[in-house]
Amino acid sequence: MRAAVLHETGQDKLEVFDDVEALGFGPGKVRIRIRATGLCHSDVSAMNGVLPQPAPFVPGHEGAGEIVDVGDGVSGIAQGDRVLVCWLPACRACPACKRGQTQLCLAGFLNAGTPNFRRAGGDVFGFAGTGTFTEEVVVDAGCAVPIPDDVPFDIAALIGCGVTTGLGAAINTADVAAGSSVAVIGCGGVGISAIQGARLKGAAQIVAVDPVTSRREAALRFGATEAVAPDELADAKQRITAGEGFDYVFEVVGKSATARTAYEMTRRGGTLCVVGAGAMDDHLQLNMFELFFDEKRILPSMYGGGDVLRSYERAIALWQAGRIDLENMITHRVRLTEINEALDQMRTGTALRTCIEI
């Protein structure tokens, strides 16, 4: 079968092979024919080495498709079922799961060091234990989440990561208050989803911040009340909040420099929500006095900050009701053989989300 493979961490291009085999099928596993997968910035971060991931590997973790085979002991899923891929399945037994914080379950990460694929050159890993830039993937049955028949594969793929992450940051983690002021720094797919979440929660002002003009223009269509370049944010803070700072600031870039800016743009007693996935050696500098004196809440948000399956269900229900716009988040579509075009679109900021159709 075909799959896109990164040979070595740090390379900027993927190579598509047709001799890749999905490994590991057996009891408790399912085989999924991937039909659509989104390109998330986390895939690029793993390629760059910002996020830890052994190589060679197949990127992709935001996918949806059909069940083609079911291993022994699997119940509730059958051949032909339509599913999205959950890259962080819950064990339902650890302390985090018992508290309802399945986004903090570590069980899914235990598979990250096990090869998911093989080709003539040897074993190949799958990003985040999945690897959806491929025609088929074998995963634990808990990674296959059934979706309603009226949810297209491309929409389901977005819900599998970016939409759930951004919506949940605003709805679960920050719990944005109605009438509040919000700034969102970084307006790719996750940032746009955070904007939609803040709009749903009733924020009065939502300022989108991004260096790319097309993304700022898009943010206005998805619910931002104003969109500014990074060097215009301080002026927006002064004009909108009389210099006090925003009630909520979402950092959706994953860099200490933007997190520091986000902290400074947050009012005293306000909330900084860190959504971007950054590097382990990139340290945020805060002094102990400002941390105490400003009483700003710093809330990291991992995968939407709540029970993952419930977050999926909510996103699907909101989309079905027309409360969130997911179709227009997909600005570009490519085939698997055109995967490097999708990477270029991500790196230049041309795309909000590129859907790879397989």
Protein backbone atom coordinates (compact mmCIF):
# COMPACT_ATOMS: atom_id res chain seq x y z
CA MET A 1 0.00 0.00 0.00
CA ARG A 2 0.99 3.65 -0.32
CA ALA A 3 2.24 5.81 2.53
CA ALA A 4 4.21 9.03 2.93
CA VAL A 5 7.40 8.52 4.92
CA LEU A 6 9.91 10.85 6.57
CA HIS A 7 13.31 9.14 6.49
CA GLU A 8 15.18 11.30 9.01
CA THR A 9 14.15 13.93 11.52
CA GLY A 10 14.91 17.37 10.15
CA GLN A 11 14.10 16.61 6.52
CA ASP A 12 11.46 18.88 5.02
CA LYS A 13 10.08 16.53 2.36
CA LEU A 14 8.14 13.28 2.54
CA GLU A 15 8.54 10.42 0.09
CA VAL A 16 5.53 8.37 -1.01
CA PHE A 17 6.16 4.63 -1.31
CA ASP A 18 3.83 1.89 -2.52
CA ASP A 19 5.53 -1.01 -0.71
CA VAL A 20 4.49 -0.15 2.85
CA GLU A 21 2.79 -2.74 5.06
CA ALA A 22 0.72 -1.94 8.16
CA LEU A 23 1.86 -4.02 11.14
CA GLY A 24 0.35 -5.31 14.34
CA PHE A 25 -3.09 -6.58 13.37
CA GLY A 26 -4.47 -9.09 15.86
CA PRO A 27 -6.63 -9.32 18.99
CA GLY A 28 -7.89 -5.95 20.17
CA LYS A 29 -6.85 -4.24 16.94
CA VAL A 30 -8.67 -2.84 13.92
CA ARG A 31 -7.53 -2.07 10.39
CA ILE A 32 -8.77 1.26 8.98
CA ARG A 33 -8.86 2.31 5.34
CA ILE A 34 -8.02 6.01 5.57
CA ARG A 35 -10.19 8.19 3.33
CA ALA A 36 -9.25 11.68 4.51
CA THR A 37 -6.58 13.13 6.76
CA GLY A 38 -5.72 16.65 7.78
CA LEU A 39 -2.26 18.14 8.00
CA CYS A 40 -1.74 19.50 11.51
CA HIS A 41 1.17 21.69 12.58
CA SER A 42 2.11 18.96 15.05
CA ASP A 43 3.03 16.77 12.07
CA VAL A 44 5.48 19.42 10.89
CA SER A 45 6.79 19.83 14.45
CA ALA A 46 7.50 16.10 14.63
CA MET A 47 9.28 16.26 11.28
CA ASN A 48 11.41 19.13 12.59
CA GLY A 49 12.21 17.36 15.85
CA VAL A 50 10.31 19.87 17.99
CA LEU A 51 8.03 17.05 19.15
CA PRO A 52 9.71 13.73 20.02
CA GLN A 53 9.09 11.01 17.43
CA PRO A 54 11.40 8.19 16.31
CA ALA A 55 12.18 8.02 12.59
CA PRO A 56 11.60 6.87 9.94
CA PHE A 57 7.91 7.50 10.41
CA VAL A 58 4.62 8.09 8.66
CA PRO A 59 3.21 11.47 9.80
CA GLY A 60 -0.48 12.18 10.24
CA HIS A 61 -2.78 11.73 13.22
CA GLU A 62 -5.93 13.58 12.11
CA GLY A 63 -7.70 10.96 9.99
CA ALA A 64 -10.98 9.24 9.22
CA GLY A 65 -12.04 6.23 7.17
CA GLU A 66 -13.70 2.82 7.16
CA ILE A 67 -13.08 -0.32 9.20
CA VAL A 68 -11.82 -3.07 6.90
CA ASP A 69 -10.95 -5.72 9.48
CA VAL A 70 -11.60 -6.33 13.17
CA GLY A 71 -9.40 -8.41 15.47
CA ASP A 72 -10.56 -10.97 18.02
CA GLY A 73 -12.04 -9.57 21.20
CA VAL A 74 -13.18 -6.30 19.64
CA SER A 75 -16.80 -5.35 20.25
CA GLY A 76 -18.91 -2.38 19.23
CA ILE A 77 -17.11 -1.92 15.91
CA ALA A 78 -17.72 -3.88 12.71
CA GLN A 79 -16.32 -4.08 9.22
CA GLY A 80 -17.63 -1.18 7.14
CA ASP A 81 -18.15 1.18 10.08
CA ARG A 82 -17.18 4.79 9.49
CA VAL A 83 -14.73 6.06 12.12
CA LEU A 84 -12.37 8.86 13.00
CA VAL A 85 -8.92 8.08 14.34
CA CYS A 86 -8.27 9.05 17.96
CA TRP A 87 -4.52 9.40 18.44
CA LEU A 88 -4.88 9.46 22.24
CA PRO A 89 -7.17 6.57 23.23
CA ALA A 90 -8.21 6.41 26.87
CA CYS A 91 -7.46 3.35 28.96
CA ARG A 92 -10.42 4.23 31.25
CA ALA A 93 -8.51 2.73 34.21
CA CYS A 94 -5.74 5.19 35.15
CA PRO A 95 -6.27 8.02 37.68
CA ALA A 96 -6.55 10.65 34.91
CA CYS A 97 -9.26 8.68 33.12
CA LYS A 98 -11.16 8.08 36.34
CA ARG A 99 -11.18 11.84 36.92
CA GLY A 100 -12.64 12.35 33.44
CA GLN A 101 -9.38 13.84 32.14
CA THR A 102 -8.85 11.34 29.35
CA GLN A 103 -6.76 13.89 27.46
CA LEU A 104 -4.07 13.27 30.09
CA CYS A 105 -4.09 9.47 29.77
CA LEU A 106 -0.60 8.22 28.97
CA ALA A 107 -1.59 4.77 27.72
CA GLY A 108 -1.72 5.86 24.09
CA PHE A 109 1.86 7.11 24.21
CA LEU A 110 3.13 3.66 25.15
CA ASN A 111 2.70 2.58 21.51
CA ALA A 112 4.82 5.45 20.17
CA GLY A 113 7.99 3.37 20.29
CA THR A 114 6.49 0.38 18.47
CA PRO A 115 6.73 0.30 14.66
CA ASN A 116 3.36 0.58 12.94
CA PHE A 117 4.61 -0.12 9.43
CA ARG A 118 7.28 -1.97 7.47
CA ARG A 119 8.79 -1.61 4.05
CA ALA A 120 11.75 -3.13 2.23
CA GLY A 121 14.16 -0.86 4.07
CA GLY A 122 12.97 -1.90 7.52
CA ASP A 123 10.49 -0.87 10.21
CA VAL A 124 8.65 2.44 10.08
CA PHE A 125 6.90 4.18 12.98
CA GLY A 126 3.58 6.00 12.91
CA PHE A 127 3.33 9.51 14.35
CA ALA A 128 1.62 9.52 17.75
CA GLY A 129 1.12 5.77 17.44
CA THR A 130 -1.05 6.20 14.35
CA GLY A 131 0.34 7.60 11.07
CA THR A 132 -2.57 8.54 8.83
CA PHE A 133 -0.66 9.66 5.72
CA THR A 134 -1.30 6.18 4.38
CA GLU A 135 -3.98 4.06 2.77
CA GLU A 136 -4.40 1.76 5.77
CA VAL A 137 -3.41 1.84 9.41
CA VAL A 138 -3.68 -0.73 12.21
CA VAL A 139 -4.51 0.70 15.64
CA ASP A 140 -6.01 -0.33 18.96
CA ALA A 141 -9.78 -0.62 18.75
CA GLY A 142 -10.04 2.30 21.18
CA CYS A 143 -8.51 4.55 18.51
CA ALA A 144 -11.46 3.95 16.17
CA VAL A 145 -14.38 6.20 17.12
CA PRO A 146 -17.63 5.65 15.17
CA ILE A 147 -19.08 8.71 13.43
CA PRO A 148 -22.63 9.38 12.16
CA ASP A 149 -23.37 8.68 8.50
CA ASP A 150 -23.98 12.37 7.77
CA VAL A 151 -20.49 13.42 8.88
CA PRO A 152 -18.11 13.42 5.87
CA PHE A 153 -14.66 11.93 6.31
CA ASP A 154 -12.93 15.29 5.84
CA ILE A 155 -15.02 16.90 8.60
CA ALA A 156 -14.45 13.92 10.90
CA ALA A 157 -10.70 14.14 10.30
CA LEU A 158 -10.62 17.77 11.47
CA ILE A 159 -12.60 16.86 14.58
CA GLY A 160 -10.01 14.16 15.30
CA CYS A 161 -7.51 16.78 16.46
CA GLY A 162 -7.45 20.45 15.47
CA VAL A 163 -11.11 21.32 15.96
CA THR A 164 -11.36 19.41 19.24
CA THR A 165 -8.18 21.07 20.51
CA GLY A 166 -9.20 24.65 19.67
CA LEU A 167 -12.86 24.41 20.64
CA GLY A 168 -12.00 22.69 23.89
CA ALA A 169 -9.41 25.30 24.83
CA ALA A 170 -12.12 27.98 24.78
CA ILE A 171 -15.02 25.91 26.09
CA ASN A 172 -13.40 23.50 28.56
CA THR A 173 -10.06 24.90 29.66
CA ALA A 174 -10.56 28.66 29.67
CA ASP A 175 -14.36 28.48 30.00
CA VAL A 176 -14.66 31.88 28.35
CA ALA A 177 -17.22 34.12 30.07
CA ALA A 178 -19.97 35.82 28.08
CA GLY A 179 -19.21 39.46 27.36
CA SER A 180 -15.46 39.06 27.83
CA SER A 181 -12.53 40.18 25.69
CA VAL A 182 -10.39 37.56 23.95
CA ALA A 183 -7.20 37.54 21.89
CA VAL A 184 -6.10 34.50 19.89
CA ILE A 185 -2.44 34.46 18.82
CA GLY A 186 -1.97 32.11 15.88
CA CYS A 187 -4.84 31.60 13.44
CA GLY A 188 -4.29 28.28 11.74
CA GLY A 189 -6.84 25.50 12.11
CA VAL A 190 -6.54 25.26 15.90
CA GLY A 191 -6.63 29.04 16.38
CA ILE A 192 -9.68 29.39 14.14
CA SER A 193 -11.37 26.66 16.20
CA ALA A 194 -10.55 28.57 19.40
CA ILE A 195 -12.11 31.67 17.85
CA GLN A 196 -15.26 29.71 17.07
CA GLY A 197 -15.31 28.37 20.62
CA ALA A 198 -14.96 31.87 22.10
CA ARG A 199 -17.78 33.07 19.85
CA LEU A 200 -20.01 30.21 21.02
CA LYS A 201 -19.28 31.16 24.64
CA GLY A 202 -20.42 34.73 24.00
CA ALA A 203 -17.17 36.70 24.01
CA ALA A 204 -17.85 40.35 23.15
CA GLN A 205 -14.49 41.10 21.52
CA ILE A 206 -12.35 38.49 19.79
CA VAL A 207 -9.07 39.76 18.37
CA ALA A 208 -7.30 37.43 15.95
CA VAL A 209 -3.51 37.83 15.73
CA ASP A 210 -1.49 36.41 12.85
CA PRO A 211 1.28 37.65 10.53
CA VAL A 212 -0.43 36.20 7.43
CA THR A 213 -3.00 38.50 5.83
CA SER A 214 -5.16 35.70 4.43
CA ARG A 215 -5.44 34.09 7.86
CA ARG A 216 -6.47 37.36 9.46
CA GLU A 217 -9.13 37.79 6.80
CA ALA A 218 -10.34 34.23 7.39
CA ALA A 219 -10.50 34.77 11.16
CA LEU A 220 -13.04 37.54 10.64
CA ARG A 221 -15.27 35.13 8.74
CA PHE A 222 -15.16 32.61 11.59
CA GLY A 223 -16.12 34.98 14.39
CA ALA A 224 -13.25 37.33 15.19
CA THR A 225 -14.40 40.91 15.69
CA GLU A 226 -11.00 42.28 14.70
CA ALA A 227 -7.82 40.89 13.16
CA VAL A 228 -4.36 42.39 13.58
CA ALA A 229 -0.75 41.64 12.72
CA PRO A 230 1.51 40.82 15.70
CA ASP A 231 3.04 44.31 15.72
CA GLU A 232 -0.46 45.81 16.01
CA LEU A 233 -1.51 43.80 19.06
CA ALA A 234 -0.27 46.29 21.66
CA ASP A 235 -2.31 49.04 20.01
CA ALA A 236 -5.37 46.77 19.98
CA LYS A 237 -4.89 46.09 23.69
CA GLN A 238 -4.79 49.82 24.41
CA ARG A 239 -7.76 50.62 22.21
CA ILE A 240 -10.06 47.75 23.21
CA THR A 241 -9.21 47.32 26.89
CA ALA A 242 -7.92 50.81 27.77
CA GLY A 243 -4.53 49.23 28.34
CA GLU A 244 -5.69 46.81 31.02
CA GLY A 245 -5.28 43.70 28.91
CA PHE A 246 -7.60 41.02 27.58
CA ASP A 247 -9.68 38.79 29.82
CA TYR A 248 -8.46 35.72 27.91
CA VAL A 249 -5.48 35.26 25.63
CA PHE A 250 -4.91 32.02 23.72
CA GLU A 251 -1.37 31.18 22.61
CA VAL A 252 -1.74 28.81 19.65
CA VAL A 253 1.79 28.94 18.25
CA GLY A 254 3.84 26.89 20.70
CA LYS A 255 6.79 29.24 21.21
CA SER A 256 8.05 30.92 24.37
CA ALA A 257 8.26 34.32 22.65
CA THR A 258 4.57 34.31 21.74
CA ALA A 259 3.64 32.88 25.13
CA ARG A 260 5.48 35.78 26.79
CA THR A 261 3.62 38.23 24.55
CA ALA A 262 0.37 36.49 25.43
CA TYR A 263 1.16 36.85 29.13
CA GLU A 264 1.79 40.56 28.72
CA MET A 265 -1.47 41.01 26.78
CA THR A 266 -3.49 39.31 29.54
CA ARG A 267 -5.03 41.59 32.18
CA ARG A 268 -4.19 41.17 35.85
CA GLY A 269 -6.42 38.39 37.11
CA GLY A 270 -7.07 37.25 33.54
CA THR A 271 -6.39 33.92 31.87
CA LEU A 272 -3.58 32.89 29.55
CA CYS A 273 -4.44 29.60 27.81
CA VAL A 274 -1.46 27.81 26.27
CA VAL A 275 -2.64 25.66 23.37
CA GLY A 276 0.39 25.45 21.05
CA ALA A 277 2.66 22.39 21.37
CA GLY A 278 6.23 23.60 21.80
CA ALA A 279 9.72 22.23 22.26
CA MET A 280 11.05 20.83 25.54
CA ASP A 281 14.07 23.13 25.43
CA ASP A 282 12.07 26.33 24.77
CA HIS A 283 11.59 27.93 28.19
CA LEU A 284 9.05 30.60 29.12
CA GLN A 285 10.61 33.33 31.28
CA LEU A 286 8.49 34.67 34.16
CA ASN A 287 9.73 36.28 37.34
CA MET A 288 8.34 35.26 40.68
CA PHE A 289 7.07 38.74 41.53
CA GLU A 290 4.91 39.17 38.44
CA LEU A 291 3.65 35.62 38.80
CA PHE A 292 2.44 36.46 42.31
CA PHE A 293 1.47 40.11 41.88
CA ASP A 294 -0.47 39.91 38.60
CA GLU A 295 -2.47 36.84 39.64
CA LYS A 296 -2.86 35.75 36.04
CA ARG A 297 -4.06 32.20 35.52
CA ILE A 298 -1.84 30.19 33.18
CA LEU A 299 -3.83 27.24 31.87
CA PRO A 300 -2.25 24.74 29.48
CA SER A 301 -4.80 22.98 27.28
CA MET A 302 -3.97 19.48 26.06
CA TYR A 303 -6.22 18.12 23.30
CA GLY A 304 -9.16 20.29 24.28
CA GLY A 305 -8.75 19.98 28.03
CA GLY A 306 -11.55 17.49 28.63
CA ASP A 307 -12.87 13.99 28.01
CA VAL A 308 -11.87 13.36 24.39
CA LEU A 309 -14.89 11.29 23.32
CA ARG A 310 -17.30 13.83 24.79
CA SER A 311 -15.41 16.59 23.01
CA TYR A 312 -15.81 14.71 19.72
CA GLU A 313 -19.52 14.30 20.33
CA ARG A 314 -19.94 17.98 21.12
CA ALA A 315 -18.04 19.09 18.02
CA ILE A 316 -20.15 16.81 15.83
CA ALA A 317 -23.38 18.07 17.42
CA LEU A 318 -22.35 21.70 16.97
CA TRP A 319 -21.46 21.08 13.33
CA GLN A 320 -24.72 19.24 12.67
CA ALA A 321 -26.64 22.16 14.20
CA GLY A 322 -24.78 24.68 12.05
CA ARG A 323 -23.20 26.35 15.07
CA ILE A 324 -19.63 25.91 13.85
CA ASP A 325 -18.23 26.11 10.32
CA LEU A 326 -15.82 23.31 9.53
CA GLU A 327 -16.25 23.01 5.76
CA ASN A 328 -14.66 26.40 5.11
CA MET A 329 -11.70 25.62 7.34
CA ILE A 330 -10.56 23.25 4.60
CA THR A 331 -8.99 25.69 2.16
CA HIS A 332 -6.93 23.22 0.13
CA ARG A 333 -7.24 19.58 -0.97
CA VAL A 334 -4.48 17.34 -2.31
CA ARG A 335 -3.89 13.68 -3.10
CA LEU A 336 -1.37 11.65 -1.12
CA THR A 337 1.14 11.96 -3.97
CA GLU A 338 0.91 15.75 -3.56
CA ILE A 339 1.67 15.69 0.17
CA ASN A 340 4.68 18.00 -0.13
CA GLU A 341 2.44 20.67 -1.63
CA ALA A 342 0.38 20.45 1.57
CA LEU A 343 3.53 20.91 3.64
CA ASP A 344 4.43 24.02 1.66
CA GLN A 345 0.91 25.39 2.22
CA MET A 346 1.30 24.81 5.96
CA ARG A 347 4.73 26.40 6.22
CA THR A 348 3.81 29.51 4.25
CA GLY A 349 0.49 29.99 6.04
CA THR A 350 -1.39 29.69 2.74
CA ALA A 351 -3.80 27.10 4.13
CA LEU A 352 -5.97 27.01 7.22
CA ARG A 353 -6.30 23.25 6.84
CA THR A 354 -5.27 21.09 3.93
CA CYS A 355 -7.19 17.83 3.50
CA ILE A 356 -5.29 14.91 2.01
CA GLU A 357 -7.79 12.71 0.18
CA ILE A 358 -6.75 9.07 -0.06
